[in-house]
Amino acid sequence: MAIIRKQQGQFNKDKGQSFEGQPNRHGGKFRKGALNRKKICRFCADKIDIDYKNISLLRSFTTESGKVLPGRATGACAKHQRALIKAVKRARILAMLPFLAKNI
């Protein structure tokens, strides 16, 4: 006869505990009730062209202090995130966007 064992690392979901007997704690990006929805690239979905002259678009992807937001925060794909950073740098050089905020 074969004896069936639970594999180590398997969770006991009925009791709401991990295999070590500790209660499950949801923290970080796995909070209870939080939806983990994949962000869609705004530029791919709406066919928006990234241009250094479109200051209103570029300002929505920069912080108040002047930093460019990362792709994981904006939801932009890698291709459009690179183009966005290039456009922000061009706009800064042409004095359309500030390098730093005025109050710093």
Foldseek 3Di string as FASTA:
>chain_A
DDDDDDDPQDQDVVVCPTPVRHHDDQDDCRDPPDDDDQAAAPCVVVVDDDALVPVVVLVVQADQFGHGHDCVVRNHDPVVRVVSVVSSVVNCVVVNGPNGHPVD
